[in-house]
Amino acid sequence: MTHIFDLLGRLFLSFLFFYEAYDSIVFTKETKAKMTEYGLTWNQNLLLYGAIFCLILGATMLLTGYRAKTGSFLLLLYWVPVTFIVHDFWNIPPPDHRIEGLIFMKNMAVTGGLMMVFANGVGKYSIKKLFATFKVPNA
């Protein structure tokens, strides 16, 4: 049962990051406007497309279980700074303070999930282990 939960956890985590990449691609103009709003004006194309690359590659690695530690590290490189920049609830006035704090804590929970994959590996189900069990018949 543990291995199934490892797989499902990786599936749900990776879908979050695939959606984040999709949203950044579809709404590039709006994403760049938000980046400007948060003070990220230095080389926005490099930052945005680098983040999209990390999101897609990291989510794919996490989902397939192939080099998932590297994938989770790529996702952490994106997720942790974005969490602290975008959801800085300590700088927000009280009416919105509560919801931003909640979103910040949820993002930190996702960070914990990525750290668990980084520390413990992928479990039994991964694409690498699937190919290792295939026996190619002799011709």
N, C-alpha and C. Protein backbone atom coordinates (compact mmCIF):
# COMPACT_ATOMS: atom_id res chain seq x y z
N MET A 1 0.82 -1.20 0.00
CA MET A 1 0.00 0.00 0.00
C MET A 1 0.86 1.26 0.00
N THR A 2 2.01 1.20 0.68
CA THR A 2 2.91 2.34 0.74
C THR A 2 3.36 2.77 -0.65
N HIS A 3 3.64 1.78 -1.51
CA HIS A 3 4.12 2.09 -2.85
C HIS A 3 3.05 2.78 -3.69
N ILE A 4 1.80 2.38 -3.49
CA ILE A 4 0.69 3.03 -4.20
C ILE A 4 0.58 4.49 -3.77
N PHE A 5 0.70 4.74 -2.47
CA PHE A 5 0.64 6.12 -1.97
C PHE A 5 1.82 6.95 -2.46
N ASP A 6 3.00 6.33 -2.57
CA ASP A 6 4.15 7.03 -3.15
C ASP A 6 3.84 7.48 -4.58
N LEU A 7 3.27 6.57 -5.36
CA LEU A 7 2.93 6.87 -6.75
C LEU A 7 1.85 7.95 -6.83
N LEU A 8 0.80 7.82 -6.02
CA LEU A 8 -0.28 8.82 -6.04
C LEU A 8 0.22 10.19 -5.58
N GLY A 9 1.06 10.22 -4.57
CA GLY A 9 1.63 11.48 -4.11
C GLY A 9 2.44 12.15 -5.20
N ARG A 10 3.26 11.37 -5.90
CA ARG A 10 4.03 11.94 -7.02
C ARG A 10 3.12 12.41 -8.13
N LEU A 11 2.05 11.67 -8.39
CA LEU A 11 1.09 12.05 -9.43
C LEU A 11 0.44 13.39 -9.11
N PHE A 12 -0.06 13.54 -7.89
CA PHE A 12 -0.72 14.80 -7.51
C PHE A 12 0.25 15.97 -7.48
N LEU A 13 1.45 15.75 -6.96
CA LEU A 13 2.45 16.82 -6.94
C LEU A 13 2.81 17.25 -8.36
N SER A 14 3.03 16.28 -9.23
CA SER A 14 3.45 16.63 -10.59
C SER A 14 2.34 17.36 -11.34
N PHE A 15 1.09 16.99 -11.13
CA PHE A 15 0.00 17.69 -11.81
C PHE A 15 -0.09 19.15 -11.39
N LEU A 16 0.20 19.44 -10.14
CA LEU A 16 0.24 20.83 -9.68
C LEU A 16 1.26 21.63 -10.49
N PHE A 17 2.43 21.05 -10.70
CA PHE A 17 3.49 21.77 -11.41
C PHE A 17 3.25 21.81 -12.91
N PHE A 18 2.65 20.76 -13.47
CA PHE A 18 2.26 20.82 -14.89
C PHE A 18 1.24 21.95 -15.12
N TYR A 19 0.29 22.07 -14.19
CA TYR A 19 -0.70 23.14 -14.32
C TYR A 19 -0.05 24.51 -14.19
N GLU A 20 0.88 24.64 -13.28
CA GLU A 20 1.60 25.90 -13.10
C GLU A 20 2.34 26.28 -14.38
N ALA A 21 2.98 25.30 -15.03
CA ALA A 21 3.69 25.56 -16.29
C ALA A 21 2.70 25.93 -17.39
N TYR A 22 1.59 25.20 -17.48
CA TYR A 22 0.56 25.49 -18.47
C TYR A 22 0.03 26.92 -18.29
N ASP A 23 -0.26 27.29 -17.07
CA ASP A 23 -0.78 28.62 -16.77
C ASP A 23 0.23 29.70 -17.16
N SER A 24 1.49 29.45 -16.89
CA SER A 24 2.53 30.43 -17.24
C SER A 24 2.70 30.56 -18.75
N ILE A 25 2.49 29.47 -19.48
CA ILE A 25 2.60 29.52 -20.95
C ILE A 25 1.41 30.23 -21.56
N VAL A 26 0.21 29.85 -21.14
CA VAL A 26 -1.01 30.41 -21.72
C VAL A 26 -1.17 31.89 -21.37
N PHE A 27 -0.82 32.25 -20.16
CA PHE A 27 -0.99 33.63 -19.70
C PHE A 27 0.37 34.31 -19.50
N THR A 28 1.22 34.22 -20.51
CA THR A 28 2.57 34.78 -20.43
C THR A 28 2.55 36.27 -20.15
N LYS A 29 1.69 37.00 -20.84
CA LYS A 29 1.63 38.45 -20.67
C LYS A 29 1.23 38.81 -19.23
N GLU A 30 0.22 38.13 -18.72
CA GLU A 30 -0.24 38.39 -17.36
C GLU A 30 0.81 37.99 -16.32
N THR A 31 1.51 36.89 -16.60
CA THR A 31 2.56 36.44 -15.69
C THR A 31 3.69 37.46 -15.62
N LYS A 32 4.07 38.00 -16.77
CA LYS A 32 5.12 39.03 -16.79
C LYS A 32 4.66 40.29 -16.06
N ALA A 33 3.38 40.64 -16.18
CA ALA A 33 2.85 41.80 -15.45
C ALA A 33 2.93 41.56 -13.94
N LYS A 34 2.60 40.34 -13.51
CA LYS A 34 2.69 40.01 -12.08
C LYS A 34 4.14 40.03 -11.61
N MET A 35 5.05 39.56 -12.46
CA MET A 35 6.46 39.59 -12.11
C MET A 35 6.92 41.02 -11.89
N THR A 36 6.47 41.93 -12.75
CA THR A 36 6.81 43.34 -12.60
C THR A 36 6.23 43.89 -11.31
N GLU A 37 5.00 43.49 -11.00
CA GLU A 37 4.33 43.93 -9.77
C GLU A 37 5.12 43.52 -8.53
N TYR A 38 5.75 42.34 -8.59
CA TYR A 38 6.52 41.85 -7.45
C TYR A 38 7.99 42.27 -7.50
N GLY A 39 8.34 43.11 -8.47
CA GLY A 39 9.70 43.64 -8.54
C GLY A 39 10.69 42.79 -9.30
N LEU A 40 10.22 41.78 -10.00
CA LEU A 40 11.10 40.93 -10.79
C LEU A 40 11.18 41.48 -12.21
N THR A 41 11.99 42.49 -12.40
CA THR A 41 12.08 43.15 -13.70
C THR A 41 13.33 42.76 -14.47
N TRP A 42 14.29 42.13 -13.81
CA TRP A 42 15.53 41.75 -14.47
C TRP A 42 15.30 40.56 -15.39
N ASN A 43 15.51 40.72 -16.66
CA ASN A 43 15.47 39.65 -17.67
C ASN A 43 14.28 38.70 -17.48
N GLN A 44 13.10 39.24 -17.62
CA GLN A 44 11.88 38.48 -17.36
C GLN A 44 11.74 37.25 -18.26
N ASN A 45 12.16 37.36 -19.52
CA ASN A 45 12.05 36.20 -20.41
C ASN A 45 12.89 35.04 -19.90
N LEU A 46 14.11 35.32 -19.48
CA LEU A 46 14.97 34.27 -18.95
C LEU A 46 14.36 33.65 -17.70
N LEU A 47 13.90 34.48 -16.79
CA LEU A 47 13.30 33.97 -15.56
C LEU A 47 12.04 33.16 -15.84
N LEU A 48 11.16 33.68 -16.69
CA LEU A 48 9.90 33.00 -16.96
C LEU A 48 10.11 31.69 -17.70
N TYR A 49 10.87 31.73 -18.79
CA TYR A 49 11.06 30.51 -19.57
C TYR A 49 11.95 29.50 -18.85
N GLY A 50 12.86 29.99 -18.03
CA GLY A 50 13.64 29.08 -17.18
C GLY A 50 12.77 28.39 -16.16
N ALA A 51 11.84 29.15 -15.58
CA ALA A 51 10.90 28.56 -14.61
C ALA A 51 10.00 27.54 -15.29
N ILE A 52 9.50 27.86 -16.48
CA ILE A 52 8.64 26.92 -17.21
C ILE A 52 9.41 25.64 -17.53
N PHE A 53 10.67 25.78 -17.95
CA PHE A 53 11.50 24.62 -18.24
C PHE A 53 11.68 23.76 -16.99
N CYS A 54 12.01 24.40 -15.86
CA CYS A 54 12.17 23.66 -14.60
C CYS A 54 10.88 22.97 -14.18
N LEU A 55 9.76 23.66 -14.38
CA LEU A 55 8.46 23.08 -14.00
C LEU A 55 8.14 21.85 -14.84
N ILE A 56 8.29 21.95 -16.15
CA ILE A 56 7.93 20.82 -17.02
C ILE A 56 8.89 19.66 -16.83
N LEU A 57 10.19 19.94 -16.83
CA LEU A 57 11.17 18.88 -16.66
C LEU A 57 11.06 18.24 -15.27
N GLY A 58 10.97 19.06 -14.25
CA GLY A 58 10.87 18.53 -12.89
C GLY A 58 9.60 17.72 -12.67
N ALA A 59 8.47 18.21 -13.18
CA ALA A 59 7.21 17.48 -13.02
C ALA A 59 7.23 16.16 -13.79
N THR A 60 7.85 16.15 -14.96
CA THR A 60 7.95 14.92 -15.74
C THR A 60 8.82 13.90 -15.01
N MET A 61 9.95 14.36 -14.49
CA MET A 61 10.84 13.46 -13.74
C MET A 61 10.15 12.93 -12.48
N LEU A 62 9.42 13.79 -11.82
CA LEU A 62 8.70 13.38 -10.61
C LEU A 62 7.61 12.37 -10.95
N LEU A 63 6.85 12.63 -12.00
CA LEU A 63 5.76 11.74 -12.38
C LEU A 63 6.26 10.36 -12.79
N THR A 64 7.29 10.32 -13.63
CA THR A 64 7.79 9.04 -14.13
C THR A 64 8.65 8.31 -13.12
N GLY A 65 9.17 9.05 -12.14
CA GLY A 65 10.05 8.42 -11.17
C GLY A 65 11.47 8.27 -11.66
N TYR A 66 11.76 8.78 -12.85
CA TYR A 66 13.11 8.72 -13.40
C TYR A 66 13.88 9.95 -12.93
N ARG A 67 14.91 9.71 -12.14
CA ARG A 67 15.70 10.79 -11.53
C ARG A 67 14.79 11.78 -10.79
N ALA A 68 13.91 11.22 -9.99
CA ALA A 68 12.91 12.03 -9.27
C ALA A 68 13.56 12.97 -8.26
N LYS A 69 14.70 12.59 -7.72
CA LYS A 69 15.38 13.49 -6.78
C LYS A 69 15.84 14.75 -7.50
N THR A 70 16.36 14.60 -8.70
CA THR A 70 16.75 15.76 -9.50
C THR A 70 15.53 16.58 -9.85
N GLY A 71 14.44 15.91 -10.23
CA GLY A 71 13.20 16.61 -10.56
C GLY A 71 12.64 17.37 -9.38
N SER A 72 12.65 16.75 -8.21
CA SER A 72 12.13 17.46 -7.03
C SER A 72 13.03 18.63 -6.66
N PHE A 73 14.33 18.51 -6.89
CA PHE A 73 15.24 19.63 -6.64
C PHE A 73 14.95 20.79 -7.59
N LEU A 74 14.71 20.49 -8.88
CA LEU A 74 14.35 21.54 -9.84
C LEU A 74 13.07 22.25 -9.42
N LEU A 75 12.10 21.47 -8.98
CA LEU A 75 10.83 22.07 -8.55
C LEU A 75 11.01 22.90 -7.29
N LEU A 76 11.86 22.46 -6.39
CA LEU A 76 12.13 23.25 -5.18
C LEU A 76 12.83 24.56 -5.52
N LEU A 77 13.71 24.53 -6.53
CA LEU A 77 14.38 25.76 -6.97
C LEU A 77 13.38 26.82 -7.41
N TYR A 78 12.27 26.37 -7.97
CA TYR A 78 11.22 27.30 -8.40
C TYR A 78 10.27 27.63 -7.24
N TRP A 79 9.81 26.61 -6.55
CA TRP A 79 8.69 26.73 -5.61
C TRP A 79 9.01 27.55 -4.37
N VAL A 80 10.16 27.34 -3.78
CA VAL A 80 10.50 28.02 -2.52
C VAL A 80 10.63 29.53 -2.72
N PRO A 81 11.42 30.01 -3.70
CA PRO A 81 11.48 31.47 -3.88
C PRO A 81 10.14 32.09 -4.24
N VAL A 82 9.37 31.43 -5.10
CA VAL A 82 8.07 31.97 -5.49
C VAL A 82 7.15 32.07 -4.27
N THR A 83 7.19 31.08 -3.41
CA THR A 83 6.36 31.10 -2.20
C THR A 83 6.70 32.30 -1.32
N PHE A 84 7.98 32.54 -1.11
CA PHE A 84 8.39 33.65 -0.24
C PHE A 84 8.18 35.02 -0.89
N ILE A 85 8.26 35.09 -2.22
CA ILE A 85 8.07 36.37 -2.90
C ILE A 85 6.59 36.71 -3.04
N VAL A 86 5.80 35.75 -3.47
CA VAL A 86 4.39 36.02 -3.79
C VAL A 86 3.49 36.00 -2.56
N HIS A 87 3.75 35.12 -1.63
CA HIS A 87 2.85 34.96 -0.48
C HIS A 87 3.50 35.45 0.81
N ASP A 88 4.02 36.66 0.78
CA ASP A 88 4.68 37.25 1.95
C ASP A 88 3.62 37.85 2.88
N PHE A 89 2.92 36.98 3.57
CA PHE A 89 1.78 37.40 4.40
C PHE A 89 2.20 38.34 5.53
N TRP A 90 3.46 38.30 5.93
CA TRP A 90 3.94 39.17 7.01
C TRP A 90 4.00 40.64 6.58
N ASN A 91 3.93 40.91 5.27
CA ASN A 91 3.93 42.29 4.76
C ASN A 91 2.55 42.77 4.32
N ILE A 92 1.52 41.95 4.52
CA ILE A 92 0.19 42.26 4.01
C ILE A 92 -0.70 42.72 5.17
N PRO A 93 -1.53 43.75 4.95
CA PRO A 93 -2.42 44.22 6.01
C PRO A 93 -3.45 43.15 6.42
N PRO A 94 -3.99 43.26 7.63
CA PRO A 94 -4.84 42.24 8.23
C PRO A 94 -6.00 41.67 7.41
N PRO A 95 -6.75 42.38 6.62
CA PRO A 95 -7.86 41.69 5.94
C PRO A 95 -7.39 40.54 5.03
N ASP A 96 -6.30 40.75 4.31
CA ASP A 96 -5.80 39.72 3.40
C ASP A 96 -4.69 38.88 4.01
N HIS A 97 -4.26 39.25 5.18
CA HIS A 97 -3.17 38.57 5.87
C HIS A 97 -3.48 37.09 6.10
N ARG A 98 -4.68 36.80 6.49
CA ARG A 98 -5.08 35.43 6.85
C ARG A 98 -5.03 34.49 5.66
N ILE A 99 -5.62 34.90 4.53
CA ILE A 99 -5.66 34.02 3.35
C ILE A 99 -4.26 33.82 2.77
N GLU A 100 -3.46 34.88 2.74
CA GLU A 100 -2.09 34.74 2.24
C GLU A 100 -1.26 33.83 3.14
N GLY A 101 -1.48 33.92 4.44
CA GLY A 101 -0.80 33.04 5.37
C GLY A 101 -1.18 31.58 5.14
N LEU A 102 -2.44 31.34 4.87
CA LEU A 102 -2.91 29.99 4.59
C LEU A 102 -2.30 29.45 3.30
N ILE A 103 -2.27 30.27 2.25
CA ILE A 103 -1.67 29.85 0.98
C ILE A 103 -0.17 29.59 1.17
N PHE A 104 0.48 30.44 1.95
CA PHE A 104 1.90 30.25 2.25
C PHE A 104 2.13 28.90 2.92
N MET A 105 1.31 28.58 3.91
CA MET A 105 1.47 27.31 4.62
C MET A 105 1.18 26.11 3.72
N LYS A 106 0.20 26.24 2.82
CA LYS A 106 -0.06 25.15 1.87
C LYS A 106 1.13 24.96 0.94
N ASN A 107 1.72 26.05 0.50
CA ASN A 107 2.90 25.94 -0.35
C ASN A 107 4.06 25.30 0.40
N MET A 108 4.18 25.60 1.69
CA MET A 108 5.23 24.97 2.48
C MET A 108 4.96 23.47 2.65
N ALA A 109 3.69 23.08 2.68
CA ALA A 109 3.35 21.65 2.74
C ALA A 109 3.77 20.95 1.45
N VAL A 110 3.56 21.61 0.31
CA VAL A 110 4.03 21.07 -0.97
C VAL A 110 5.55 20.96 -0.95
N THR A 111 6.21 21.96 -0.39
CA THR A 111 7.67 21.92 -0.24
C THR A 111 8.08 20.69 0.58
N GLY A 112 7.34 20.41 1.63
CA GLY A 112 7.62 19.23 2.44
C GLY A 112 7.45 17.94 1.65
N GLY A 113 6.43 17.87 0.81
CA GLY A 113 6.24 16.70 -0.04
C GLY A 113 7.40 16.50 -1.01
N LEU A 114 7.86 17.59 -1.60
CA LEU A 114 9.01 17.50 -2.51
C LEU A 114 10.27 17.08 -1.77
N MET A 115 10.43 17.59 -0.55
CA MET A 115 11.59 17.20 0.25
C MET A 115 11.54 15.72 0.62
N MET A 116 10.34 15.20 0.85
CA MET A 116 10.20 13.77 1.17
C MET A 116 10.59 12.92 -0.03
N VAL A 117 10.19 13.33 -1.23
CA VAL A 117 10.60 12.60 -2.44
C VAL A 117 12.12 12.69 -2.58
N PHE A 118 12.66 13.88 -2.35
CA PHE A 118 14.11 14.06 -2.45
C PHE A 118 14.85 13.17 -1.46
N ALA A 119 14.34 13.06 -0.25
CA ALA A 119 15.02 12.29 0.79
C ALA A 119 14.80 10.79 0.66
N ASN A 120 13.58 10.37 0.30
CA ASN A 120 13.22 8.95 0.35
C ASN A 120 13.18 8.25 -1.00
N GLY A 121 13.24 8.98 -2.09
CA GLY A 121 13.15 8.35 -3.40
C GLY A 121 11.71 8.14 -3.81
N VAL A 122 11.53 7.32 -4.86
CA VAL A 122 10.22 7.20 -5.49
C VAL A 122 9.42 5.99 -5.06
N GLY A 123 10.02 5.05 -4.41
CA GLY A 123 9.29 3.85 -4.06
C GLY A 123 9.40 2.80 -5.16
N LYS A 124 8.45 1.90 -5.19
CA LYS A 124 8.51 0.74 -6.07
C LYS A 124 8.18 1.08 -7.53
N TYR A 125 7.29 2.03 -7.76
CA TYR A 125 6.80 2.28 -9.10
C TYR A 125 7.50 3.47 -9.75
N SER A 126 8.31 3.16 -10.75
CA SER A 126 8.95 4.20 -11.55
C SER A 126 9.20 3.64 -12.94
N ILE A 127 9.41 4.52 -13.88
CA ILE A 127 9.63 4.11 -15.26
C ILE A 127 10.95 3.34 -15.38
N LYS A 128 11.93 3.73 -14.60
CA LYS A 128 13.23 3.06 -14.62
C LYS A 128 13.10 1.61 -14.15
N LYS A 129 12.34 1.40 -13.09
CA LYS A 129 12.15 0.05 -12.56
C LYS A 129 11.26 -0.78 -13.47
N LEU A 130 10.35 -0.12 -14.18
CA LEU A 130 9.49 -0.82 -15.13
C LEU A 130 10.32 -1.38 -16.27
N PHE A 131 11.22 -0.57 -16.83
CA PHE A 131 12.06 -1.03 -17.93
C PHE A 131 13.08 -2.06 -17.46
N ALA A 132 13.48 -2.01 -16.21
CA ALA A 132 14.43 -2.98 -15.68
C ALA A 132 13.81 -4.37 -15.57
N THR A 133 12.48 -4.44 -15.46
CA THR A 133 11.82 -5.74 -15.32
C THR A 133 11.44 -6.36 -16.66
N PHE A 134 11.48 -5.58 -17.74
CA PHE A 134 11.16 -6.12 -19.07
C PHE A 134 12.27 -7.05 -19.54
N LYS A 135 11.88 -8.17 -20.06
CA LYS A 135 12.82 -9.11 -20.66
C LYS A 135 12.58 -9.10 -22.17
N VAL A 136 13.59 -8.75 -22.91
CA VAL A 136 13.47 -8.73 -24.37
C VAL A 136 13.76 -10.14 -24.87
N PRO A 137 12.80 -10.72 -25.61
CA PRO A 137 13.03 -12.09 -26.10
C PRO A 137 14.15 -12.11 -27.14
N ASN A 138 14.91 -13.20 -27.11
CA ASN A 138 15.97 -13.36 -28.11
C ASN A 138 15.37 -13.64 -29.47
N ALA A 139 15.91 -13.01 -30.48
CA ALA A 139 15.38 -13.19 -31.83
C ALA A 139 16.01 -14.34 -32.53
